Amino acid sequence: MTGERQPQVSIVMPSLNQARFLGAAIDSVLEQDYPRIELIVADGVSTDETLALLEARARTDPRLCWFSAPDTGPAQAVNRALVRARGILIGWLNADDIYAPGAVTRAVEALSGHPEWLMVYGHGEHIDVRGGVLEPYPTLPPETPFDRFRDGCFLCQPTVFFRRTLWLLLGPLDETLQTAFDFDYWLRAFAQMPERIGFVDRVQARSRLHADGITLRQRQSVMREGMAVLARHFGTAPPNWVRTYVEELVDGRVPIAAEVCAKEVALAFLDEVRPLLSPADYWTLLAQIGSDPRLV
């Protein structure tokens, strides 16, 4: 695939106060070996060094364009960037994540080789603040039964590339969601067009885990919104999400104030998500949490 036959690829990147990681994210895009790339950074009015960094980088590389405006969250930022995207193929990379070398070329080749595919994804890895690999993302292939989403999202968001056609068919991200908008989008895609999703059997991107990221910083919101999305698609949310939250309370992954009882936090969360559960699951969970000796 050479010359004019190479499709334009637009990478959209929501950003808010991630200056310490943003340079690496930008480099991972602009240093790809694929020639026809544009990077659109949608900033939510950062107050750190982000804007100065973006202005300096845009002066040296015209493939980078950016804007900064108040938004309601990352979903709205991505939607705004998608409207501005000129490419027929789209990637979506967060400002604290990075692409693996060759990721764009592999995605383009996969989509070009399979005209019936509207979306592809690949393997991902979790990395720490220094970029060290922590663990592989628990990825499953596209032929995985749809019901497996009840156990959690099995595709790593920054590994996804899709045709603009997918966005036109599915519509925008749900801007009412603050943390689970990507999970909801993949569920929509798999529910409506499961036969048109492909896989790249390589590590395509690395997702950074750090204290200021959504995954760790808003853990309760992530769990609650994930359950709400599952209830939207399946009727009810599975009880294992509440059990996972309890386990994270027990081992300290969900920080709570010293004067607060972990059992009270668990019961308050259960009460909050009660409308998302079946009655039988709610009462079973209530009994389990109430009798768990680890929750003190």
C-alpha atoms as a PDB file:
ATOM      1  CA  MET A   1       0.000   0.000   0.000  1.00  0.00           C
ATOM      2  CA  THR A   2       1.787   3.123  -1.203  1.00  0.00           C
ATOM      3  CA  GLY A   3       1.175   6.678  -2.290  1.00  0.00           C
ATOM      4  CA  GLU A   4      -2.378   7.835  -2.781  1.00  0.00           C
ATOM      5  CA  ARG A   5      -3.754   4.424  -1.854  1.00  0.00           C
ATOM      6  CA  GLN A   6      -2.766   4.945   1.778  1.00  0.00           C
ATOM      7  CA  PRO A   7      -5.822   6.105   3.752  1.00  0.00           C
ATOM      8  CA  GLN A   8      -5.610   9.074   6.082  1.00  0.00           C
ATOM      9  CA  VAL A   9      -5.612   8.078   9.757  1.00  0.00           C
ATOM     10  CA  SER A  10      -6.860  10.498  12.417  1.00  0.00           C
ATOM     11  CA  ILE A  11      -5.849   9.917  16.029  1.00  0.00           C
ATOM     12  CA  VAL A  12      -8.098  11.650  18.569  1.00  0.00           C
ATOM     13  CA  MET A  13      -6.703  12.350  22.033  1.00  0.00           C
ATOM     14  CA  PRO A  14      -8.706  13.741  24.984  1.00  0.00           C
ATOM     15  CA  SER A  15      -6.502  15.580  27.463  1.00  0.00           C
ATOM     16  CA  LEU A  16      -6.808  17.236  30.850  1.00  0.00           C
ATOM     17  CA  ASN A  17      -3.811  18.061  33.046  1.00  0.00           C
ATOM     18  CA  GLN A  18      -1.675  15.168  31.824  1.00  0.00           C
ATOM     19  CA  ALA A  19       1.379  17.205  30.845  1.00  0.00           C
ATOM     20  CA  ARG A  20       3.833  14.789  32.449  1.00  0.00           C
ATOM     21  CA  PHE A  21       2.633  11.975  30.149  1.00  0.00           C
ATOM     22  CA  LEU A  22       1.394  13.946  27.135  1.00  0.00           C
ATOM     23  CA  GLY A  23       4.772  14.270  25.415  1.00  0.00           C
ATOM     24  CA  ALA A  24       5.250  10.493  25.386  1.00  0.00           C
ATOM     25  CA  ALA A  25       1.714   9.994  24.062  1.00  0.00           C
ATOM     26  CA  ILE A  26       2.293  12.513  21.249  1.00  0.00           C
ATOM     27  CA  ASP A  27       5.660  10.949  20.386  1.00  0.00           C
ATOM     28  CA  SER A  28       4.098   7.490  20.182  1.00  0.00           C
ATOM     29  CA  VAL A  29       1.723   8.839  17.522  1.00  0.00           C
ATOM     30  CA  LEU A  30       4.022  11.073  15.469  1.00  0.00           C
ATOM     31  CA  GLU A  31       6.879   8.566  15.490  1.00  0.00           C
ATOM     32  CA  GLN A  32       4.745   5.836  13.931  1.00  0.00           C
ATOM     33  CA  ASP A  33       6.073   4.475  10.641  1.00  0.00           C
ATOM     34  CA  TYR A  34       2.785   5.210   8.870  1.00  0.00           C
ATOM     35  CA  PRO A  35       3.024   8.455   6.839  1.00  0.00           C
ATOM     36  CA  ARG A  36      -0.558   9.751   6.628  1.00  0.00           C
ATOM     37  CA  ILE A  37      -1.410  10.598  10.224  1.00  0.00           C
ATOM     38  CA  GLU A  38      -3.060  13.564  11.876  1.00  0.00           C
ATOM     39  CA  LEU A  39      -3.282  13.939  15.659  1.00  0.00           C
ATOM     40  CA  ILE A  40      -6.150  15.938  17.147  1.00  0.00           C
ATOM     41  CA  VAL A  41      -5.811  16.764  20.844  1.00  0.00           C
ATOM     42  CA  ALA A  42      -9.025  17.875  22.561  1.00  0.00           C
ATOM     43  CA  ASP A  43      -8.013  19.598  25.768  1.00  0.00           C
ATOM     44  CA  GLY A  44     -10.466  20.404  28.543  1.00  0.00           C
ATOM     45  CA  VAL A  45      -8.753  23.661  29.631  1.00  0.00           C
ATOM     46  CA  SER A  46      -5.761  22.208  31.427  1.00  0.00           C
ATOM     47  CA  THR A  47      -4.107  24.249  34.148  1.00  0.00           C
ATOM     48  CA  ASP A  48      -0.719  22.496  34.099  1.00  0.00           C
ATOM     49  CA  GLU A  49       1.909  22.785  31.336  1.00  0.00           C
ATOM     50  CA  THR A  50      -0.282  21.061  28.737  1.00  0.00           C
ATOM     51  CA  LEU A  51      -1.175  24.110  26.634  1.00  0.00           C
ATOM     52  CA  ALA A  52       2.420  25.336  26.388  1.00  0.00           C
ATOM     53  CA  LEU A  53       3.521  21.845  25.401  1.00  0.00           C
ATOM     54  CA  LEU A  54       0.834  21.570  22.725  1.00  0.00           C
ATOM     55  CA  GLU A  55       1.619  24.996  21.305  1.00  0.00           C
ATOM     56  CA  ALA A  56       5.329  24.201  21.076  1.00  0.00           C
ATOM     57  CA  ARG A  57       4.796  20.777  19.505  1.00  0.00           C
ATOM     58  CA  ALA A  58       2.261  22.073  16.964  1.00  0.00           C
ATOM     59  CA  ARG A  59       4.770  24.687  15.776  1.00  0.00           C
ATOM     60  CA  THR A  60       7.275  21.952  14.896  1.00  0.00           C
ATOM     61  CA  ASP A  61       4.912  19.341  13.442  1.00  0.00           C
ATOM     62  CA  PRO A  62       1.857  20.347  11.361  1.00  0.00           C
ATOM     63  CA  ARG A  63       0.348  16.892  11.816  1.00  0.00           C
ATOM     64  CA  LEU A  64      -0.592  17.933  15.347  1.00  0.00           C
ATOM     65  CA  CYS A  65      -3.618  20.161  15.803  1.00  0.00           C
ATOM     66  CA  TRP A  66      -5.300  20.948  19.075  1.00  0.00           C
ATOM     67  CA  PHE A  67      -7.975  22.999  20.766  1.00  0.00           C
ATOM     68  CA  SER A  68      -8.812  23.761  24.363  1.00  0.00           C
ATOM     69  CA  ALA A  69     -12.341  24.380  25.616  1.00  0.00           C
ATOM     70  CA  PRO A  70     -14.453  23.483  28.646  1.00  0.00           C
ATOM     71  CA  ASP A  71     -16.141  20.110  28.311  1.00  0.00           C
ATOM     72  CA  THR A  72     -18.325  17.812  30.382  1.00  0.00           C
ATOM     73  CA  GLY A  73     -15.746  15.023  30.360  1.00  0.00           C
ATOM     74  CA  PRO A  74     -13.629  12.805  28.121  1.00  0.00           C
ATOM     75  CA  ALA A  75     -16.605  11.540  26.096  1.00  0.00           C
ATOM     76  CA  GLN A  76     -17.481  15.041  24.934  1.00  0.00           C
ATOM     77  CA  ALA A  77     -13.818  15.778  24.203  1.00  0.00           C
ATOM     78  CA  VAL A  78     -13.563  12.678  21.991  1.00  0.00           C
ATOM     79  CA  ASN A  79     -16.830  13.510  20.222  1.00  0.00           C
ATOM     80  CA  ARG A  80     -15.585  17.020  19.460  1.00  0.00           C
ATOM     81  CA  ALA A  81     -12.304  15.680  18.110  1.00  0.00           C
ATOM     82  CA  LEU A  82     -14.115  13.138  15.935  1.00  0.00           C
ATOM     83  CA  VAL A  83     -16.112  15.915  14.297  1.00  0.00           C
ATOM     84  CA  ARG A  84     -12.826  17.574  13.299  1.00  0.00           C
ATOM     85  CA  ALA A  85     -11.140  14.367  12.100  1.00  0.00           C
ATOM     86  CA  ARG A  86     -10.397  14.196   8.368  1.00  0.00           C
ATOM     87  CA  GLY A  87      -9.275  10.585   8.200  1.00  0.00           C
ATOM     88  CA  ILE A  88     -11.369   7.668   7.035  1.00  0.00           C
ATOM     89  CA  LEU A  89      -9.704   5.551   9.728  1.00  0.00           C
ATOM     90  CA  ILE A  90      -9.755   6.589  13.380  1.00  0.00           C
ATOM     91  CA  GLY A  91      -7.594   5.796  16.395  1.00  0.00           C
ATOM     92  CA  TRP A  92      -8.293   6.930  19.941  1.00  0.00           C
ATOM     93  CA  LEU A  93      -5.410   7.345  22.349  1.00  0.00           C
ATOM     94  CA  ASN A  94      -5.622   8.894  25.795  1.00  0.00           C
ATOM     95  CA  ALA A  95      -3.070  11.526  26.793  1.00  0.00           C
ATOM     96  CA  ASP A  96      -1.450   9.197  29.324  1.00  0.00           C
ATOM     97  CA  ASP A  97      -1.293   6.103  27.081  1.00  0.00           C
ATOM     98  CA  ILE A  98       1.117   5.186  24.270  1.00  0.00           C
ATOM     99  CA  TYR A  99       1.022   3.307  20.996  1.00  0.00           C
ATOM    100  CA  ALA A 100       3.385   0.435  20.332  1.00  0.00           C
ATOM    101  CA  PRO A 101       5.714   1.007  17.352  1.00  0.00           C
ATOM    102  CA  GLY A 102       4.025  -0.040  14.107  1.00  0.00           C
ATOM    103  CA  ALA A 103       0.537  -0.051  15.623  1.00  0.00           C
ATOM    104  CA  VAL A 104      -1.007   2.244  13.009  1.00  0.00           C
ATOM    105  CA  THR A 105       0.480   0.354  10.065  1.00  0.00           C
ATOM    106  CA  ARG A 106      -0.757  -2.972  11.430  1.00  0.00           C
ATOM    107  CA  ALA A 107      -4.266  -1.582  11.965  1.00  0.00           C
ATOM    108  CA  VAL A 108      -4.396  -0.048   8.481  1.00  0.00           C
ATOM    109  CA  GLU A 109      -3.197  -3.275   6.879  1.00  0.00           C
ATOM    110  CA  ALA A 110      -5.776  -5.301   8.816  1.00  0.00           C
ATOM    111  CA  LEU A 111      -8.651  -3.024   7.806  1.00  0.00           C
ATOM    112  CA  SER A 112      -7.443  -2.720   4.204  1.00  0.00           C
ATOM    113  CA  GLY A 113      -7.118  -6.489   3.945  1.00  0.00           C
ATOM    114  CA  HIS A 114     -10.623  -7.025   5.280  1.00  0.00           C
ATOM    115  CA  PRO A 115     -13.039  -4.526   3.700  1.00  0.00           C
ATOM    116  CA  GLU A 116     -15.890  -6.075   5.676  1.00  0.00           C
ATOM    117  CA  TRP A 117     -14.316  -5.087   9.007  1.00  0.00           C
ATOM    118  CA  LEU A 118     -15.381  -1.784  10.543  1.00  0.00           C
ATOM    119  CA  MET A 119     -13.168  -2.027  13.611  1.00  0.00           C
ATOM    120  CA  VAL A 120     -10.049  -3.826  14.819  1.00  0.00           C
ATOM    121  CA  TYR A 121      -8.298  -4.100  18.146  1.00  0.00           C
ATOM    122  CA  GLY A 122      -5.256  -5.895  19.473  1.00  0.00           C
ATOM    123  CA  HIS A 123      -3.399  -6.831  22.614  1.00  0.00           C
ATOM    124  CA  GLY A 124      -2.729  -4.182  25.242  1.00  0.00           C
ATOM    125  CA  GLU A 125      -0.485  -3.867  28.265  1.00  0.00           C
ATOM    126  CA  HIS A 126      -0.791  -1.941  31.514  1.00  0.00           C
ATOM    127  CA  ILE A 127       2.218   0.236  32.283  1.00  0.00           C
ATOM    128  CA  ASP A 128       3.287   2.265  35.314  1.00  0.00           C
ATOM    129  CA  VAL A 129       4.197   5.949  35.550  1.00  0.00           C
ATOM    130  CA  ARG A 130       7.703   5.243  34.214  1.00  0.00           C
ATOM    131  CA  GLY A 131       6.453   3.195  31.277  1.00  0.00           C
ATOM    132  CA  GLY A 132       7.364  -0.181  32.772  1.00  0.00           C
ATOM    133  CA  VAL A 133       5.047  -3.032  31.839  1.00  0.00           C
ATOM    134  CA  LEU A 134       2.931  -4.201  34.774  1.00  0.00           C
ATOM    135  CA  GLU A 135       0.812  -6.883  33.148  1.00  0.00           C
ATOM    136  CA  PRO A 136      -0.926  -7.789  29.895  1.00  0.00           C
ATOM    137  CA  TYR A 137      -4.468  -6.514  29.445  1.00  0.00           C
ATOM    138  CA  PRO A 138      -6.933  -9.455  29.677  1.00  0.00           C
ATOM    139  CA  THR A 139      -7.791  -9.365  25.963  1.00  0.00           C
ATOM    140  CA  LEU A 140     -10.145 -11.835  24.306  1.00  0.00           C
ATOM    141  CA  PRO A 141     -10.725 -12.245  20.529  1.00  0.00           C
ATOM    142  CA  PRO A 142     -13.790 -10.871  18.675  1.00  0.00           C
ATOM    143  CA  GLU A 143     -15.454 -14.284  18.453  1.00  0.00           C
ATOM    144  CA  THR A 144     -15.806 -14.316  22.250  1.00  0.00           C
ATOM    145  CA  PRO A 145     -19.491 -14.694  23.207  1.00  0.00           C
ATOM    146  CA  PHE A 146     -21.162 -11.348  23.848  1.00  0.00           C
ATOM    147  CA  ASP A 147     -22.165 -12.469  27.332  1.00  0.00           C
ATOM    148  CA  ARG A 148     -18.502 -12.425  28.422  1.00  0.00           C
ATOM    149  CA  PHE A 149     -18.738  -8.632  28.637  1.00  0.00           C
ATOM    150  CA  ARG A 150     -20.645  -9.243  31.858  1.00  0.00           C
ATOM    151  CA  ASP A 151     -17.302 -10.150  33.439  1.00  0.00           C
ATOM    152  CA  GLY A 152     -15.682  -6.913  32.254  1.00  0.00           C
ATOM    153  CA  CYS A 153     -14.327  -5.263  29.128  1.00  0.00           C
ATOM    154  CA  PHE A 154     -12.062  -7.633  27.208  1.00  0.00           C
ATOM    155  CA  LEU A 155     -10.615  -5.133  24.739  1.00  0.00           C
ATOM    156  CA  CYS A 156      -8.122  -2.433  25.615  1.00  0.00           C
ATOM    157  CA  GLN A 157      -9.468   0.940  24.437  1.00  0.00           C
ATOM    158  CA  PRO A 158      -6.254   2.479  22.975  1.00  0.00           C
ATOM    159  CA  THR A 159      -5.692  -0.610  20.800  1.00  0.00           C
ATOM    160  CA  VAL A 160      -8.905   0.100  18.846  1.00  0.00           C
ATOM    161  CA  PHE A 161      -8.953   1.538  15.320  1.00  0.00           C
ATOM    162  CA  PHE A 162     -12.175   1.905  13.355  1.00  0.00           C
ATOM    163  CA  ARG A 163     -13.536   3.218  10.096  1.00  0.00           C
ATOM    164  CA  ARG A 164     -15.375   6.519  10.154  1.00  0.00           C
ATOM    165  CA  THR A 165     -18.356   4.445   8.967  1.00  0.00           C
ATOM    166  CA  LEU A 166     -18.565   2.813  12.402  1.00  0.00           C
ATOM    167  CA  TRP A 167     -18.896   6.194  14.074  1.00  0.00           C
ATOM    168  CA  LEU A 168     -21.600   7.219  11.583  1.00  0.00           C
ATOM    169  CA  LEU A 169     -23.520   4.006  12.277  1.00  0.00           C
ATOM    170  CA  LEU A 170     -23.184   3.971  16.079  1.00  0.00           C
ATOM    171  CA  GLY A 171     -23.370   7.695  16.668  1.00  0.00           C
ATOM    172  CA  PRO A 172     -21.372   9.640  19.256  1.00  0.00           C
ATOM    173  CA  LEU A 173     -20.095   8.457  22.608  1.00  0.00           C
ATOM    174  CA  ASP A 174     -22.578   8.772  25.462  1.00  0.00           C
ATOM    175  CA  GLU A 175     -21.608  12.066  27.114  1.00  0.00           C
ATOM    176  CA  THR A 176     -23.673  11.315  30.226  1.00  0.00           C
ATOM    177  CA  LEU A 177     -21.015   8.750  31.179  1.00  0.00           C
ATOM    178  CA  GLN A 178     -17.823   9.933  32.861  1.00  0.00           C
ATOM    179  CA  THR A 179     -15.831   6.683  33.016  1.00  0.00           C
ATOM    180  CA  ALA A 180     -17.588   3.869  31.114  1.00  0.00           C
ATOM    181  CA  PHE A 181     -18.258   5.620  27.792  1.00  0.00           C
ATOM    182  CA  ASP A 182     -15.713   3.433  25.962  1.00  0.00           C
ATOM    183  CA  PHE A 183     -17.141   0.234  27.507  1.00  0.00           C
ATOM    184  CA  ASP A 184     -20.597   1.278  26.342  1.00  0.00           C
ATOM    185  CA  TYR A 185     -19.305   1.996  22.830  1.00  0.00           C
ATOM    186  CA  TRP A 186     -17.693  -1.421  22.449  1.00  0.00           C
ATOM    187  CA  LEU A 187     -20.855  -3.096  23.708  1.00  0.00           C
ATOM    188  CA  ARG A 188     -22.843  -1.178  21.115  1.00  0.00           C
ATOM    189  CA  ALA A 189     -20.422  -2.226  18.380  1.00  0.00           C
ATOM    190  CA  PHE A 190     -20.385  -5.914  19.371  1.00  0.00           C
ATOM    191  CA  ALA A 191     -24.159  -6.003  19.777  1.00  0.00           C
ATOM    192  CA  GLN A 192     -24.910  -4.452  16.387  1.00  0.00           C
ATOM    193  CA  MET A 193     -22.115  -5.723  14.134  1.00  0.00           C
ATOM    194  CA  PRO A 194     -20.207  -8.636  15.725  1.00  0.00           C
ATOM    195  CA  GLU A 195     -19.164 -10.083  12.347  1.00  0.00           C
ATOM    196  CA  ARG A 196     -17.460  -6.834  11.319  1.00  0.00           C
ATOM    197  CA  ILE A 197     -14.865  -6.625  14.082  1.00  0.00           C
ATOM    198  CA  GLY A 198     -11.345  -7.916  13.520  1.00  0.00           C
ATOM    199  CA  PHE A 199      -8.227  -8.567  15.567  1.00  0.00           C
ATOM    200  CA  VAL A 200      -4.532  -7.696  15.321  1.00  0.00           C
ATOM    201  CA  ASP A 201      -2.561 -10.375  17.144  1.00  0.00           C
ATOM    202  CA  ARG A 202       0.140  -8.014  18.407  1.00  0.00           C
ATOM    203  CA  VAL A 203       0.601  -5.585  21.271  1.00  0.00           C
ATOM    204  CA  GLN A 204      -0.912  -2.393  19.838  1.00  0.00           C
ATOM    205  CA  ALA A 205      -0.934  -0.022  22.805  1.00  0.00           C
ATOM    206  CA  ARG A 206      -0.029   0.406  26.440  1.00  0.00           C
ATOM    207  CA  SER A 207      -2.504   1.814  28.960  1.00  0.00           C
ATOM    208  CA  ARG A 208      -0.981   3.689  31.878  1.00  0.00           C
ATOM    209  CA  LEU A 209      -2.138   3.084  35.447  1.00  0.00           C
ATOM    210  CA  HIS A 210      -1.416   5.936  37.837  1.00  0.00           C
ATOM    211  CA  ALA A 211      -3.003   7.681  40.796  1.00  0.00           C
ATOM    212  CA  ASP A 212      -4.441  10.537  38.701  1.00  0.00           C
ATOM    213  CA  GLY A 213      -5.943   8.323  36.000  1.00  0.00           C
ATOM    214  CA  ILE A 214      -9.646   7.530  35.764  1.00  0.00           C
ATOM    215  CA  THR A 215      -9.149   3.778  36.351  1.00  0.00           C
ATOM    216  CA  LEU A 216      -7.678   4.258  39.828  1.00  0.00           C
ATOM    217  CA  ARG A 217      -8.798   7.745  40.849  1.00  0.00           C
ATOM    218  CA  GLN A 218     -12.505   7.150  40.206  1.00  0.00           C
ATOM    219  CA  ARG A 219     -12.715   3.470  41.055  1.00  0.00           C
ATOM    220  CA  GLN A 220     -16.196   3.581  42.577  1.00  0.00           C
ATOM    221  CA  SER A 221     -17.524   5.572  39.618  1.00  0.00           C
ATOM    222  CA  VAL A 222     -15.889   3.119  37.197  1.00  0.00           C
ATOM    223  CA  MET A 223     -17.606   0.196  38.891  1.00  0.00           C
ATOM    224  CA  ARG A 224     -20.980   1.946  39.201  1.00  0.00           C
ATOM    225  CA  GLU A 225     -21.044   3.164  35.605  1.00  0.00           C
ATOM    226  CA  GLY A 226     -19.802  -0.183  34.317  1.00  0.00           C
ATOM    227  CA  MET A 227     -22.700  -1.870  36.078  1.00  0.00           C
ATOM    228  CA  ALA A 228     -25.142   0.718  34.706  1.00  0.00           C
ATOM    229  CA  VAL A 229     -23.898   0.076  31.175  1.00  0.00           C
ATOM    230  CA  LEU A 230     -24.282  -3.687  31.635  1.00  0.00           C
ATOM    231  CA  ALA A 231     -27.799  -3.236  32.992  1.00  0.00           C
ATOM    232  CA  ARG A 232     -28.581  -1.127  29.928  1.00  0.00           C
ATOM    233  CA  HIS A 233     -27.455  -3.897  27.582  1.00  0.00           C
ATOM    234  CA  PHE A 234     -28.385  -7.043  29.538  1.00  0.00           C
ATOM    235  CA  GLY A 235     -31.299  -5.980  31.739  1.00  0.00           C
ATOM    236  CA  THR A 236     -29.414  -6.372  35.039  1.00  0.00           C
ATOM    237  CA  ALA A 237     -25.790  -6.106  36.130  1.00  0.00           C
ATOM    238  CA  PRO A 238     -23.982  -9.209  37.393  1.00  0.00           C
ATOM    239  CA  PRO A 239     -23.270  -9.461  41.139  1.00  0.00           C
ATOM    240  CA  ASN A 240     -19.580 -10.237  40.613  1.00  0.00           C
ATOM    241  CA  TRP A 241     -18.925  -6.506  40.050  1.00  0.00           C
ATOM    242  CA  VAL A 242     -20.013  -5.770  43.628  1.00  0.00           C
ATOM    243  CA  ARG A 243     -17.908  -8.664  44.918  1.00  0.00           C
ATOM    244  CA  THR A 244     -14.899  -7.278  43.055  1.00  0.00           C
ATOM    245  CA  TYR A 245     -15.475  -3.886  44.633  1.00  0.00           C
ATOM    246  CA  VAL A 246     -15.607  -5.492  48.091  1.00  0.00           C
ATOM    247  CA  GLU A 247     -12.339  -7.344  47.429  1.00  0.00           C
ATOM    248  CA  GLU A 248     -10.706  -4.069  46.401  1.00  0.00           C
ATOM    249  CA  LEU A 249     -11.940  -2.479  49.621  1.00  0.00           C
ATOM    250  CA  VAL A 250     -10.456  -5.325  51.625  1.00  0.00           C
ATOM    251  CA  ASP A 251      -7.017  -5.222  50.010  1.00  0.00           C
ATOM    252  CA  GLY A 252      -6.809  -1.424  50.018  1.00  0.00           C
ATOM    253  CA  ARG A 253      -7.093  -0.738  46.287  1.00  0.00           C
ATOM    254  CA  VAL A 254     -10.070   1.491  47.078  1.00  0.00           C
ATOM    255  CA  PRO A 255      -8.770   4.023  49.611  1.00  0.00           C
ATOM    256  CA  ILE A 256     -11.102   5.157  52.364  1.00  0.00           C
ATOM    257  CA  ALA A 257     -10.653   7.535  55.281  1.00  0.00           C
ATOM    258  CA  ALA A 258      -9.281   5.976  58.474  1.00  0.00           C
ATOM    259  CA  GLU A 259     -12.402   6.864  60.442  1.00  0.00           C
ATOM    260  CA  VAL A 260     -14.746   5.206  57.916  1.00  0.00           C
ATOM    261  CA  CYS A 261     -15.811   1.579  58.273  1.00  0.00           C
ATOM    262  CA  ALA A 262     -15.211  -0.522  55.139  1.00  0.00           C
ATOM    263  CA  LYS A 263     -18.488  -2.346  55.712  1.00  0.00           C
ATOM    264  CA  GLU A 264     -20.392   0.933  55.675  1.00  0.00           C
ATOM    265  CA  VAL A 265     -18.723   1.867  52.378  1.00  0.00           C
ATOM    266  CA  ALA A 266     -19.564  -1.533  50.864  1.00  0.00           C
ATOM    267  CA  LEU A 267     -23.188  -1.367  52.022  1.00  0.00           C
ATOM    268  CA  ALA A 268     -23.567   2.194  50.731  1.00  0.00           C
ATOM    269  CA  PHE A 269     -22.236   1.120  47.333  1.00  0.00           C
ATOM    270  CA  LEU A 270     -24.586  -1.869  47.288  1.00  0.00           C
ATOM    271  CA  ASP A 271     -27.530   0.399  48.082  1.00  0.00           C
ATOM    272  CA  GLU A 272     -26.499   2.757  45.290  1.00  0.00           C
ATOM    273  CA  VAL A 273     -26.371   0.007  42.643  1.00  0.00           C
ATOM    274  CA  ARG A 274     -29.434  -1.875  43.925  1.00  0.00           C
ATOM    275  CA  PRO A 275     -31.628  -0.756  40.979  1.00  0.00           C
ATOM    276  CA  LEU A 276     -29.092  -2.336  38.596  1.00  0.00           C
ATOM    277  CA  LEU A 277     -29.203  -5.786  40.241  1.00  0.00           C
ATOM    278  CA  SER A 278     -31.815  -8.502  40.259  1.00  0.00           C
ATOM    279  CA  PRO A 279     -33.677  -8.717  43.601  1.00  0.00           C
ATOM    280  CA  ALA A 280     -32.211 -12.151  44.307  1.00  0.00           C
ATOM    281  CA  ASP A 281     -28.654 -10.924  43.690  1.00  0.00           C
ATOM    282  CA  TYR A 282     -29.196  -7.873  45.880  1.00  0.00           C
ATOM    283  CA  TRP A 283     -30.372  -9.864  48.905  1.00  0.00           C
ATOM    284  CA  THR A 284     -27.597 -12.430  48.495  1.00  0.00           C
ATOM    285  CA  LEU A 285     -24.973  -9.682  48.362  1.00  0.00           C
ATOM    286  CA  LEU A 286     -26.499  -7.908  51.358  1.00  0.00           C
ATOM    287  CA  ALA A 287     -26.158 -11.067  53.440  1.00  0.00           C
ATOM    288  CA  GLN A 288     -22.602 -11.711  52.240  1.00  0.00           C
ATOM    289  CA  ILE A 289     -21.384  -8.180  52.964  1.00  0.00           C
ATOM    290  CA  GLY A 290     -23.151  -8.080  56.315  1.00  0.00           C
ATOM    291  CA  SER A 291     -21.414 -11.263  57.467  1.00  0.00           C
ATOM    292  CA  ASP A 292     -17.950 -10.631  55.964  1.00  0.00           C
ATOM    293  CA  PRO A 293     -15.512 -10.457  58.924  1.00  0.00           C
ATOM    294  CA  ARG A 294     -12.884  -8.674  56.826  1.00  0.00           C
ATOM    295  CA  LEU A 295     -15.024  -5.561  56.498  1.00  0.00           C
ATOM    296  CA  VAL A 296     -14.315  -3.703  59.714  1.00  0.00           C
END
